[in-house]
């Protein structure tokens, strides 16, 4: 495999034309990340990358997200722009692409797709005006985790349709068990994203590009579905300060909609796959040809004007390979974006293979799909809705006011 990867490194130097890289594709690469706690995981790959492509990382980690973002943006104005850095998809990446600050990776993506290392579906999150920028650091599917003992005690099978999911929630509530987790802070958007995207994917896409308003009658109807579930008392106390992993373990609720990375939180709380399971949440609209699944993908990018541009692109190409992703998954468990990589956790491997197969489609998580300003207001309003469920229109009107202002400024 190493010979194949090294042979392909010529691609890395031609993914863009205007960079100031030195042409060097081996050596020590300066890597900046806002995932400070992951520094040992990243640098544990140095042996593998050193052997395969003769590149090792020198990692600088930031714990403060705002400080990190400010540093990265400032670095583009100096001669020390990073050869490799972590960033965010969606609106944040669009801004860098529009300003010509990140290196194009179209050739890397083409090779990765041709090799079967990555899906064309995922490439959409990295595509701007028909070209790709950055590569995925990781992905996480937003799915449902459940307490196996609670399901077993109540005779509930893993639901495969929306009706079965509703029947499970009804049965749990009748038995005195709260079906779902919710919160009023930060992670307030996931139920909304699933209800909208799995009712009508085009409606969700319309919210992302401003062609659909949050006050659209179809969105109001979807919010009223959520309100109906709230009235049935299907959700946990949104103000609870109990760690959600601990709460699932102790049965405060039966299910929690979260990214696949949450498996690590559950293990940290003392649960194993004997105690919890995972499933893709069924679509609200059972006439859809595929079940939409939210995907969160964090990019690794190369600064266009970095002296280490070529080195960063060479590492990015290796990073996409099955060998690199097998090593990364062993160091930092989750599902893998590369279907040829070996996933260390059998349960994560199983659900990753399931969602990567036929019958499922991916949409960008709300946090990345929508413009940042709109996300900020929406998270606040969904949190307020969770805390005090009621007529959804006033909440949606506040989100739309922010959306109107944002989209007006884009014209």
Protein backbone atom coordinates (compact mmCIF):
# COMPACT_ATOMS: atom_id res chain seq x y z
CA UNK A 1 0.00 0.00 0.00
CA UNK A 2 2.81 2.43 0.83
CA UNK A 3 4.18 2.20 -2.70
CA UNK A 4 0.81 3.09 -4.15
CA UNK A 5 0.43 6.08 -1.84
CA UNK A 6 3.91 7.40 -2.46
CA UNK A 7 3.41 7.03 -6.19
CA UNK A 8 0.28 9.16 -5.97
CA UNK A 9 1.93 12.05 -4.17
CA UNK A 10 2.55 13.82 -7.43
CA UNK A 11 -1.16 14.58 -7.37
CA UNK A 12 -0.84 16.58 -4.18
CA UNK A 13 1.32 19.23 -5.76
CA UNK A 14 -1.16 19.96 -8.56
CA UNK A 15 -4.42 20.35 -6.65
CA UNK A 16 -4.08 24.13 -6.86
CA UNK A 17 -1.86 26.51 -8.80
CA UNK A 18 -1.27 29.62 -6.74
CA UNK A 19 0.33 28.36 -3.56
CA UNK A 20 3.77 29.29 -2.32
CA UNK A 21 4.85 25.84 -1.18
CA UNK A 22 8.49 24.81 -1.50
CA UNK A 23 7.70 21.57 -3.33
CA UNK A 24 8.92 19.46 -0.42
CA UNK A 25 6.70 16.45 0.27
CA UNK A 26 8.67 14.81 3.08
CA UNK A 27 9.72 16.05 6.49
CA UNK A 28 8.15 17.46 9.66
CA UNK A 29 4.79 19.11 9.15
CA UNK A 30 3.50 21.82 11.50
CA UNK A 31 -0.06 20.95 12.48
CA UNK A 32 -2.43 23.19 14.43
CA UNK A 33 -5.65 21.95 15.95
CA UNK A 34 -8.43 23.07 18.26
CA UNK A 35 -8.57 19.47 19.51
CA UNK A 36 -5.82 19.85 22.11
CA UNK A 37 -6.89 16.70 23.94
CA UNK A 38 -6.38 14.72 20.73
CA UNK A 39 -2.72 15.69 20.32
CA UNK A 40 -1.44 12.27 21.51
CA UNK A 41 -3.83 10.56 19.09
CA UNK A 42 -2.60 12.60 16.14
CA UNK A 43 1.06 12.17 16.96
CA UNK A 44 0.62 8.42 17.54
CA UNK A 45 0.29 8.20 13.75
CA UNK A 46 3.81 9.54 13.20
CA UNK A 47 5.27 6.06 13.01
CA UNK A 48 2.78 5.00 10.35
CA UNK A 49 3.07 8.21 8.30
CA UNK A 50 6.83 8.22 8.68
CA UNK A 51 7.09 4.71 7.28
CA UNK A 52 4.54 5.28 4.50
CA UNK A 53 5.31 8.78 3.20
CA UNK A 54 8.19 10.07 5.36
CA UNK A 55 6.09 12.78 7.01
CA UNK A 56 5.62 13.34 10.74
CA UNK A 57 3.47 15.87 12.57
CA UNK A 58 4.58 18.48 15.05
CA UNK A 59 1.26 19.26 16.74
CA UNK A 60 0.21 22.45 18.49
CA UNK A 61 -3.12 22.12 20.25
CA UNK A 62 -5.51 24.85 21.43
CA UNK A 63 -8.17 24.26 24.07
CA UNK A 64 -9.98 27.57 23.61
CA UNK A 65 -12.00 27.49 20.36
CA UNK A 66 -12.28 31.28 20.00
CA UNK A 67 -8.57 31.76 20.61
CA UNK A 68 -7.80 29.08 18.06
CA UNK A 69 -10.05 30.55 15.37
CA UNK A 70 -8.51 33.97 15.91
CA UNK A 71 -4.98 32.54 15.64
CA UNK A 72 -5.72 30.69 12.40
CA UNK A 73 -7.36 33.71 10.76
CA UNK A 74 -4.49 35.95 11.83
CA UNK A 75 -1.90 33.48 10.53
CA UNK A 76 -3.16 33.86 6.96
CA UNK A 77 -1.90 37.45 7.05
CA UNK A 78 1.64 36.38 7.92
CA UNK A 79 4.33 34.19 6.41
CA UNK A 80 3.57 31.53 9.02
CA UNK A 81 0.23 30.27 7.75
CA UNK A 82 -0.07 26.62 8.76
CA UNK A 83 0.76 23.74 6.48
CA UNK A 84 -2.01 21.74 8.12
CA UNK A 85 -4.83 22.74 10.48
CA UNK A 86 -8.24 21.56 11.65
CA UNK A 87 -11.28 23.66 10.83
CA UNK A 88 -15.06 23.41 10.39
CA UNK A 89 -17.20 22.58 7.37
CA UNK A 90 -20.16 24.72 6.36
CA UNK A 91 -20.18 28.50 6.53
CA UNK A 92 -16.80 28.75 8.31
CA UNK A 93 -15.02 26.88 5.53
CA UNK A 94 -16.93 28.73 2.82
CA UNK A 95 -15.48 32.01 4.10
CA UNK A 96 -11.90 30.72 3.82
CA UNK A 97 -12.51 29.29 0.36
CA UNK A 98 -14.06 32.54 -0.87
CA UNK A 99 -10.97 34.42 0.29
CA UNK A 100 -8.62 31.95 -1.41
CA UNK A 101 -6.98 30.99 1.88
CA UNK A 102 -7.13 27.19 1.69
CA UNK A 103 -5.53 24.88 -0.85
CA UNK A 104 -7.65 22.99 -3.35
CA UNK A 105 -7.77 19.22 -2.91
CA UNK A 106 -9.80 18.18 -5.97
CA UNK A 107 -7.18 15.72 -7.25
CA UNK A 108 -6.86 14.13 -3.81
CA UNK A 109 -10.62 13.62 -3.62
CA UNK A 110 -10.75 12.21 -7.16
CA UNK A 111 -8.10 9.63 -6.30
CA UNK A 112 -9.77 8.77 -2.98
CA UNK A 113 -13.15 8.25 -4.69
CA UNK A 114 -11.54 6.16 -7.46
CA UNK A 115 -9.76 4.03 -4.83
CA UNK A 116 -13.02 3.52 -2.91
CA UNK A 117 -11.61 5.36 0.10
CA UNK A 118 -14.46 7.83 0.42
CA UNK A 119 -18.01 8.33 -0.85
CA UNK A 120 -19.11 10.95 -3.35
CA UNK A 121 -21.85 11.80 -0.84
CA UNK A 122 -19.24 13.02 1.67
CA UNK A 123 -17.41 14.98 -1.02
CA UNK A 124 -20.42 17.29 -1.30
CA UNK A 125 -19.57 18.75 2.14
CA UNK A 126 -16.16 19.78 0.79
CA UNK A 127 -17.24 21.04 -2.64
CA UNK A 128 -17.36 24.72 -3.60
CA UNK A 129 -18.06 25.75 -7.20
CA UNK A 130 -17.30 22.24 -8.36
CA UNK A 131 -13.94 21.97 -6.59
CA UNK A 132 -12.93 20.28 -3.33
CA UNK A 133 -11.06 21.89 -0.44
CA UNK A 134 -9.58 20.20 2.66
CA UNK A 135 -10.09 16.52 3.57
CA UNK A 136 -12.17 14.96 6.36
CA UNK A 137 -10.46 14.64 9.74
CA UNK A 138 -13.23 12.31 10.84
CA UNK A 139 -16.94 11.75 10.54
CA UNK A 140 -19.68 11.02 13.03
CA UNK A 141 -23.15 9.82 12.17
CA UNK A 142 -26.00 11.27 14.25
CA UNK A 143 -27.94 8.21 15.35
CA UNK A 144 -29.90 6.87 18.30
CA UNK A 145 -28.23 5.23 21.30
CA UNK A 146 -30.42 3.13 23.56
CA UNK A 147 -30.27 1.33 26.88
CA UNK A 148 -30.50 -2.38 26.04
CA UNK A 149 -31.83 -3.41 29.46
CA UNK A 150 -34.72 -0.93 29.24
CA UNK A 151 -35.64 -2.16 25.77
CA UNK A 152 -35.46 -5.79 26.89
CA UNK A 153 -37.45 -5.20 30.09
CA UNK A 154 -40.24 -3.63 28.06
CA UNK A 155 -40.19 -6.08 25.17
CA UNK A 156 -39.05 -3.49 22.63
CA UNK A 157 -37.20 -4.39 19.44
CA UNK A 158 -34.99 -1.91 17.61
CA UNK A 159 -37.44 0.16 15.51
CA UNK A 160 -36.98 0.23 11.75
CA UNK A 161 -39.91 2.54 10.87
CA UNK A 162 -41.23 5.81 12.26
CA UNK A 163 -44.41 4.09 13.41
CA UNK A 164 -42.34 1.51 15.30
CA UNK A 165 -40.29 4.26 16.94
CA UNK A 166 -43.47 6.05 18.05
CA UNK A 167 -44.92 2.77 19.34
CA UNK A 168 -41.74 2.19 21.36
CA UNK A 169 -41.92 5.69 22.85
CA UNK A 170 -45.59 5.20 23.72
CA UNK A 171 -44.90 1.85 25.40
CA UNK A 172 -41.95 3.21 27.36
CA UNK A 173 -43.91 6.21 28.64
CA UNK A 174 -46.77 3.93 29.72
CA UNK A 175 -44.23 1.90 31.70
CA UNK A 176 -42.96 5.03 33.47
CA UNK A 177 -39.80 5.38 31.38
CA UNK A 178 -38.91 8.66 29.64
CA UNK A 179 -38.25 7.78 25.99
CA UNK A 180 -35.83 10.52 24.86
CA UNK A 181 -33.06 12.81 26.08
CA UNK A 182 -33.18 16.55 25.48
CA UNK A 183 -31.37 19.63 26.70
CA UNK A 184 -31.91 23.38 26.62
CA UNK A 185 -28.24 24.20 25.92
CA UNK A 186 -26.02 23.71 22.84
CA UNK A 187 -27.19 20.29 21.58
CA UNK A 188 -30.75 21.43 21.01
CA UNK A 189 -30.91 21.04 17.24
CA UNK A 190 -30.64 17.32 16.54
CA UNK A 191 -34.32 16.40 16.79
CA UNK A 192 -35.27 19.34 14.57
CA UNK A 193 -32.70 18.36 11.94
CA UNK A 194 -33.93 14.79 11.83
CA UNK A 195 -37.61 15.71 11.70
CA UNK A 196 -37.04 18.13 8.81
CA UNK A 197 -34.46 16.19 6.80
CA UNK A 198 -36.32 12.89 7.07
CA UNK A 199 -39.67 14.47 6.22
CA UNK A 200 -38.36 16.28 3.13
CA UNK A 201 -34.62 16.51 2.36
CA UNK A 202 -35.29 19.38 -0.07
CA UNK A 203 -36.96 21.34 2.71
CA UNK A 204 -33.82 20.94 4.84
CA UNK A 205 -31.62 22.00 1.92
CA UNK A 206 -33.84 25.04 1.46
CA UNK A 207 -33.22 26.16 5.04
CA UNK A 208 -29.49 25.84 4.36
CA UNK A 209 -29.52 28.08 1.29
CA UNK A 210 -32.22 30.50 2.42
CA UNK A 211 -34.83 29.47 -0.17
CA UNK A 212 -37.08 28.10 2.59
CA UNK A 213 -38.12 30.18 5.58
CA UNK A 214 -38.29 28.84 9.13
CA UNK A 215 -41.84 30.16 9.18
CA UNK A 216 -42.81 28.10 6.13
CA UNK A 217 -46.06 26.21 6.90
CA UNK A 218 -44.29 22.90 6.32
CA UNK A 219 -41.68 23.76 8.95
CA UNK A 220 -44.43 24.89 11.33
CA UNK A 221 -46.18 21.54 10.81
CA UNK A 222 -42.94 19.69 11.63
CA UNK A 223 -42.47 21.77 14.77
CA UNK A 224 -46.02 20.93 15.79
CA UNK A 225 -45.15 17.25 15.46
CA UNK A 226 -42.28 17.91 17.87
CA UNK A 227 -44.67 19.84 20.14
CA UNK A 228 -47.09 16.91 20.14
CA UNK A 229 -44.27 14.66 21.34
CA UNK A 230 -43.40 17.21 24.01
CA UNK A 231 -47.02 17.24 25.20
CA UNK A 232 -46.85 13.44 25.54
CA UNK A 233 -43.91 14.00 27.93
CA UNK A 234 -41.56 11.92 25.80
CA UNK A 235 -38.47 14.02 26.61
CA UNK A 236 -36.23 14.31 29.66
CA UNK A 237 -35.83 17.39 31.85
CA UNK A 238 -34.00 19.87 29.57
CA UNK A 239 -32.40 21.57 32.56
CA UNK A 240 -30.85 18.44 34.06
CA UNK A 241 -27.17 18.77 34.97
CA UNK A 242 -26.59 15.00 34.99
CA UNK A 243 -24.04 13.87 32.41
CA UNK A 244 -26.17 12.40 29.58
CA UNK A 245 -23.99 9.27 29.40
CA UNK A 246 -24.52 8.66 33.11
CA UNK A 247 -28.23 9.43 32.73
CA UNK A 248 -28.64 6.82 29.98
CA UNK A 249 -26.78 4.29 32.12
CA UNK A 250 -29.00 4.85 35.13
CA UNK A 251 -32.20 4.85 33.09
CA UNK A 252 -33.22 8.51 33.30
CA UNK A 253 -34.30 8.03 29.68
CA UNK A 254 -34.18 5.13 27.21
CA UNK A 255 -32.73 6.79 24.10
CA UNK A 256 -30.44 9.65 23.13
CA UNK A 257 -29.87 11.11 19.68
CA UNK A 258 -26.16 11.90 19.39
CA UNK A 259 -23.09 11.54 17.20
CA UNK A 260 -21.37 8.15 17.04
CA UNK A 261 -18.48 9.60 19.04
CA UNK A 262 -20.84 9.42 22.05
CA UNK A 263 -19.91 5.74 22.30
CA UNK A 264 -16.70 6.90 23.95
CA UNK A 265 -18.68 8.90 26.52
CA UNK A 266 -20.76 5.83 27.35
CA UNK A 267 -17.68 3.70 27.81
CA UNK A 268 -16.30 6.42 30.07
CA UNK A 269 -19.50 6.16 32.11
CA UNK A 270 -18.94 2.43 32.55
CA UNK A 271 -21.23 1.10 29.83
CA UNK A 272 -20.21 -1.51 27.24
CA UNK A 273 -21.94 -2.67 24.08
CA UNK A 274 -23.65 -5.26 26.28
CA UNK A 275 -25.38 -2.30 27.93
CA UNK A 276 -26.10 0.02 25.01
CA UNK A 277 -26.93 -0.28 21.34
CA UNK A 278 -27.15 2.02 18.32
CA UNK A 279 -29.52 2.38 15.39
CA UNK A 280 -30.15 4.73 12.50
CA UNK A 281 -33.26 6.77 13.27
CA UNK A 282 -36.10 5.84 10.91
CA UNK A 283 -37.36 8.50 8.51
CA UNK A 284 -40.55 10.35 9.37
CA UNK A 285 -41.57 10.05 5.72
CA UNK A 286 -41.54 6.36 4.89
CA UNK A 287 -41.96 7.07 1.16
CA UNK A 288 -38.39 8.39 0.87
CA UNK A 289 -36.12 6.14 -1.23
CA UNK A 290 -33.36 6.35 1.39
CA UNK A 291 -33.22 7.08 5.10
CA UNK A 292 -31.42 10.42 5.66
CA UNK A 293 -28.72 10.35 8.34
CA UNK A 294 -27.04 13.46 9.74
CA UNK A 295 -23.28 13.48 9.36
CA UNK A 296 -20.76 15.65 11.16
CA UNK A 297 -17.42 15.98 9.45
CA UNK A 298 -14.49 18.00 10.69
CA UNK A 299 -11.94 18.97 8.04
CA UNK A 300 -8.17 19.08 7.97
CA UNK A 301 -7.04 21.91 5.71
CA UNK A 302 -3.87 23.27 4.13
CA UNK A 303 -3.22 27.00 3.93
CA UNK A 304 -2.84 28.05 0.30
CA UNK A 305 0.04 30.42 1.00
CA UNK A 306 1.91 28.26 3.49
CA UNK A 307 5.55 27.40 2.89
CA UNK A 308 4.47 23.85 3.80
CA UNK A 309 1.58 23.75 1.36
CA UNK A 310 2.94 20.83 -0.67
CA UNK A 311 3.90 18.90 2.43
CA UNK A 312 0.43 19.44 3.86
CA UNK A 313 -1.23 18.22 0.67
CA UNK A 314 1.00 15.14 0.61
CA UNK A 315 -0.01 14.29 4.17
CA UNK A 316 -3.67 14.96 3.32
CA UNK A 317 -3.52 12.42 0.53
CA UNK A 318 -2.00 9.79 2.81
CA UNK A 319 -4.57 10.63 5.50
CA UNK A 320 -7.38 9.57 3.16
CA UNK A 321 -5.92 6.07 2.70
CA UNK A 322 -7.21 2.91 4.37
CA UNK A 323 -3.90 2.40 6.17
CA UNK A 324 -3.97 5.89 7.66
CA UNK A 325 -7.60 5.64 8.71
CA UNK A 326 -7.09 2.22 10.27
CA UNK A 327 -4.27 3.69 12.38
CA UNK A 328 -6.37 6.77 13.24
CA UNK A 329 -9.36 4.66 14.23
CA UNK A 330 -7.21 2.56 16.53
CA UNK A 331 -5.93 5.74 18.19
CA UNK A 332 -9.25 7.60 18.25
CA UNK A 333 -12.29 5.35 17.90
CA UNK A 334 -15.41 6.23 15.92
CA UNK A 335 -16.86 5.20 12.59
CA UNK A 336 -14.50 5.65 9.63
CA UNK A 337 -15.10 7.75 6.54
CA UNK A 338 -12.96 5.27 4.57
CA UNK A 339 -14.98 2.03 4.17
CA UNK A 340 -11.76 0.06 3.59
CA UNK A 341 -10.33 1.03 6.99
CA UNK A 342 -10.52 -1.38 9.90
CA UNK A 343 -12.72 -0.01 12.70
CA UNK A 344 -11.55 -1.18 16.12
CA UNK A 345 -14.99 -1.21 17.78
CA UNK A 346 -17.18 -3.96 16.25
CA UNK A 347 -20.44 -2.14 17.10
CA UNK A 348 -19.25 1.09 15.47
CA UNK A 349 -17.96 -0.91 12.53
CA UNK A 350 -21.38 -2.51 12.08
CA UNK A 351 -23.39 0.70 12.09
CA UNK A 352 -20.78 2.42 9.93
CA UNK A 353 -21.07 -0.33 7.32
CA UNK A 354 -24.85 -0.21 7.53
CA UNK A 355 -25.12 3.53 6.90
CA UNK A 356 -22.42 3.48 4.22
CA UNK A 357 -24.42 0.82 2.38
CA UNK A 358 -27.59 0.97 0.30
CA UNK A 359 -30.74 2.49 1.73
CA UNK A 360 -29.16 5.49 3.46
CA UNK A 361 -28.20 9.01 2.41
CA UNK A 362 -26.23 11.68 4.25
CA UNK A 363 -27.03 15.28 5.04
CA UNK A 364 -24.81 17.79 6.85
CA UNK A 365 -25.50 18.24 10.54
CA UNK A 366 -27.48 21.40 11.29
CA UNK A 367 -24.50 22.99 13.04
CA UNK A 368 -22.46 22.91 9.81
CA UNK A 369 -25.23 23.07 7.20
CA UNK A 370 -26.64 26.42 8.28
CA UNK A 371 -24.89 29.81 8.41
CA UNK A 372 -23.25 30.45 11.78
CA UNK A 373 -25.40 33.45 12.73
CA UNK A 374 -28.58 31.47 12.09
CA UNK A 375 -27.27 28.46 14.00
CA UNK A 376 -26.59 30.63 17.04
CA UNK A 377 -30.15 31.95 17.16
CA UNK A 378 -31.68 28.56 16.34
CA UNK A 379 -29.83 26.77 19.13
CA UNK A 380 -31.11 29.37 21.59
CA UNK A 381 -34.69 29.11 20.31
CA UNK A 382 -34.77 25.31 20.19
CA UNK A 383 -33.45 25.35 23.76
CA UNK A 384 -36.19 27.76 24.79
CA UNK A 385 -38.75 25.52 23.06
CA UNK A 386 -37.45 22.48 24.95
CA UNK A 387 -37.61 24.35 28.25
CA UNK A 388 -41.11 25.74 27.65
CA UNK A 389 -42.87 23.90 24.80
CA UNK A 390 -45.67 25.85 23.20
CA UNK A 391 -46.81 27.39 19.93
CA UNK A 392 -43.71 26.97 17.73
CA UNK A 393 -44.32 30.03 15.56
CA UNK A 394 -42.82 32.66 17.94
CA UNK A 395 -39.63 30.57 18.21
CA UNK A 396 -39.45 30.15 14.44
CA UNK A 397 -40.10 33.85 13.83
CA UNK A 398 -37.05 34.76 15.91
CA UNK A 399 -34.88 32.36 13.92
CA UNK A 400 -36.26 33.72 10.66
CA UNK A 401 -35.55 37.30 11.72
CA UNK A 402 -31.87 36.36 11.99
CA UNK A 403 -32.09 34.46 8.69
CA UNK A 404 -33.66 37.45 6.91
CA UNK A 405 -30.87 39.72 8.10
CA UNK A 406 -28.16 37.21 7.13
CA UNK A 407 -29.45 36.49 3.63
CA UNK A 408 -30.09 40.20 2.94
CA UNK A 409 -26.42 40.88 3.67
CA UNK A 410 -25.36 38.20 1.17
CA UNK A 411 -26.99 39.99 -1.76
